[in-house]
Amino acid sequence: MNNFTLLAIFLFFLNSSCEKTVTRKLKQGTYKGYYQKMENGQRSTTYVTIGLYDNTWTGNPDSGDFPKMGQGRYLFHGEDSIVFTNESKWPTGLENKHLLQGRFRFRFIKDSLVIERNLGPDFQDEYRLEKNY
């Protein structure tokens, strides 16, 4: 074997050993916490409940009429991305940004599940949830 082949094999194994990623699985169940949106410089917050079971979800704000939740499905994309589809019927003209729908980033901070998205400088939203045991 020449030196190039040995170097290539060494780099392959070195690279394989360095690609250890730690993924915390999203546990199925009911999550409670708050939803916060920042829209055109205005911050609004409400409490929400979301059930996540077998790639389906249901959710409701505990008070008020935002966010528009309902029910649907979710799929993971990569290590930190989750896509929600919303199967509920909503009035014509309701903007998608007001629905739990689309691609979000998710992460864990201590015992909290954080689901967030940034749709530009004028709209960001975040769900900060804890598993209800």
Protein backbone atom coordinates (compact mmCIF):
# COMPACT_ATOMS: atom_id res chain seq x y z
CA MET A 1 0.00 0.00 0.00
CA ASN A 2 1.32 3.41 -0.79
CA ASN A 3 1.37 6.33 1.64
CA PHE A 4 -1.59 8.03 -0.05
CA THR A 5 -3.83 4.98 0.50
CA LEU A 6 -2.79 4.73 4.16
CA LEU A 7 -3.44 8.44 4.64
CA ALA A 8 -6.89 8.14 3.00
CA ILE A 9 -7.84 5.20 5.26
CA PHE A 10 -6.59 7.05 8.35
CA LEU A 11 -8.58 10.19 7.48
CA PHE A 12 -11.71 8.12 6.81
CA PHE A 13 -11.60 6.53 10.26
CA LEU A 14 -10.68 9.81 11.93
CA ASN A 15 -13.63 11.54 10.28
CA SER A 16 -15.99 8.69 11.21
CA SER A 17 -15.00 8.87 14.86
CA CYS A 18 -15.50 12.66 14.98
CA GLU A 19 -19.06 12.63 13.63
CA LYS A 20 -20.71 11.68 16.89
CA THR A 21 -23.87 13.68 17.27
CA VAL A 22 -26.05 13.62 20.33
CA THR A 23 -29.74 13.68 19.56
CA ARG A 24 -32.38 13.96 22.25
CA LYS A 25 -35.50 12.27 21.06
CA LEU A 26 -38.76 14.10 21.23
CA LYS A 27 -40.86 12.18 23.74
CA GLN A 28 -44.48 11.59 22.85
CA GLY A 29 -47.07 13.06 25.16
CA THR A 30 -48.66 16.31 26.23
CA TYR A 31 -46.58 19.47 26.49
CA LYS A 32 -47.59 22.69 28.20
CA GLY A 33 -45.94 26.05 28.17
CA TYR A 34 -46.06 29.36 26.46
CA TYR A 35 -46.17 30.69 22.95
CA GLN A 36 -44.62 34.03 22.20
CA LYS A 37 -44.69 35.97 18.97
CA MET A 38 -42.92 39.13 17.98
CA GLU A 39 -44.72 40.84 15.12
CA ASN A 40 -43.79 44.31 13.87
CA GLY A 41 -42.13 45.10 17.20
CA GLN A 42 -45.15 43.97 19.26
CA ARG A 43 -44.66 41.04 21.66
CA SER A 44 -47.64 38.81 22.53
CA THR A 45 -47.62 35.78 24.82
CA THR A 46 -50.16 33.11 25.69
CA TYR A 47 -50.10 29.65 27.25
CA VAL A 48 -50.59 26.60 25.05
CA THR A 49 -51.05 22.85 25.25
CA ILE A 50 -49.71 20.57 22.50
CA GLY A 51 -50.09 16.80 22.23
CA LEU A 52 -47.44 14.98 20.15
CA TYR A 53 -48.22 11.34 19.35
CA ASP A 54 -47.03 9.09 16.49
CA ASN A 55 -46.21 12.00 14.14
CA THR A 56 -49.58 13.65 14.76
CA TRP A 57 -50.24 16.69 16.89
CA THR A 58 -53.14 18.54 18.46
CA GLY A 59 -52.96 21.91 20.15
CA ASN A 60 -54.89 24.75 21.65
CA PRO A 61 -54.08 28.07 23.22
CA ASP A 62 -55.25 28.11 26.84
CA SER A 63 -56.77 31.56 26.31
CA GLY A 64 -57.22 33.98 23.47
CA ASP A 65 -57.31 33.17 19.79
CA PHE A 66 -53.65 32.87 18.93
CA PRO A 67 -51.78 30.96 17.83
CA LYS A 68 -54.14 29.13 15.50
CA MET A 69 -53.35 25.51 16.26
CA GLY A 70 -55.87 22.72 15.70
CA GLN A 71 -54.40 19.42 14.55
CA GLY A 72 -52.13 17.90 11.96
CA ARG A 73 -48.95 15.95 11.37
CA TYR A 74 -45.26 16.55 11.96
CA LEU A 75 -42.05 15.20 10.45
CA PHE A 76 -38.42 15.67 11.41
CA HIS A 77 -35.89 17.02 8.92
CA GLY A 78 -32.30 16.68 10.05
CA GLU A 79 -31.10 17.08 13.61
CA ASP A 80 -32.94 20.26 14.56
CA SER A 81 -35.80 20.87 12.15
CA ILE A 82 -39.45 19.87 12.44
CA VAL A 83 -42.18 20.50 9.85
CA PHE A 84 -45.80 20.84 10.94
CA THR A 85 -48.72 20.41 8.58
CA ASN A 86 -52.02 21.83 9.79
CA GLU A 87 -55.10 19.85 8.78
CA SER A 88 -57.66 22.12 10.45
CA LYS A 89 -60.06 24.29 8.46
CA TRP A 90 -59.41 28.00 8.84
CA PRO A 91 -61.11 31.08 7.35
CA THR A 92 -59.92 32.18 3.93
CA GLY A 93 -57.32 34.91 4.13
CA LEU A 94 -55.72 33.78 7.39
CA GLU A 95 -51.97 34.15 7.02
CA ASN A 96 -49.93 30.96 7.39
CA LYS A 97 -47.58 32.66 9.84
CA HIS A 98 -50.41 32.67 12.39
CA LEU A 99 -50.80 28.87 12.19
CA LEU A 100 -48.76 26.09 13.73
CA GLN A 101 -47.64 25.15 10.24
CA GLY A 102 -44.37 25.00 8.34
CA ARG A 103 -40.73 24.45 9.21
CA PHE A 104 -39.51 25.20 12.72
CA ARG A 105 -36.21 24.72 14.51
CA PHE A 106 -36.40 22.68 17.69
CA ARG A 107 -33.97 22.24 20.55
CA PHE A 108 -33.87 21.34 24.19
CA ILE A 109 -32.87 23.77 26.92
CA LYS A 110 -32.64 21.87 30.20
CA ASP A 111 -36.08 20.21 30.47
CA SER A 112 -37.81 22.54 28.02
CA LEU A 113 -38.60 21.83 24.39
CA VAL A 114 -38.18 25.00 22.34
CA ILE A 115 -39.80 25.19 18.88
CA GLU A 116 -39.10 28.41 17.00
CA ARG A 117 -39.00 30.06 13.61
CA ASN A 118 -37.94 33.38 12.23
CA LEU A 119 -39.86 34.62 9.20
CA GLY A 120 -37.78 37.75 8.77
CA PRO A 121 -37.29 40.93 10.74
CA ASP A 122 -41.01 41.52 11.25
CA PHE A 123 -42.13 38.10 12.57
CA GLN A 124 -40.66 35.54 14.96
CA ASP A 125 -42.48 32.97 17.07
CA GLU A 126 -41.47 30.54 19.77
CA TYR A 127 -43.08 27.72 21.73
CA ARG A 128 -41.30 26.95 25.03
CA LEU A 129 -42.84 23.77 26.41
CA GLU A 130 -42.39 21.22 29.18
CA LYS A 131 -43.54 17.62 29.10
CA ASN A 132 -46.63 17.07 31.25
CA TYR A 133 -46.09 13.92 33.32
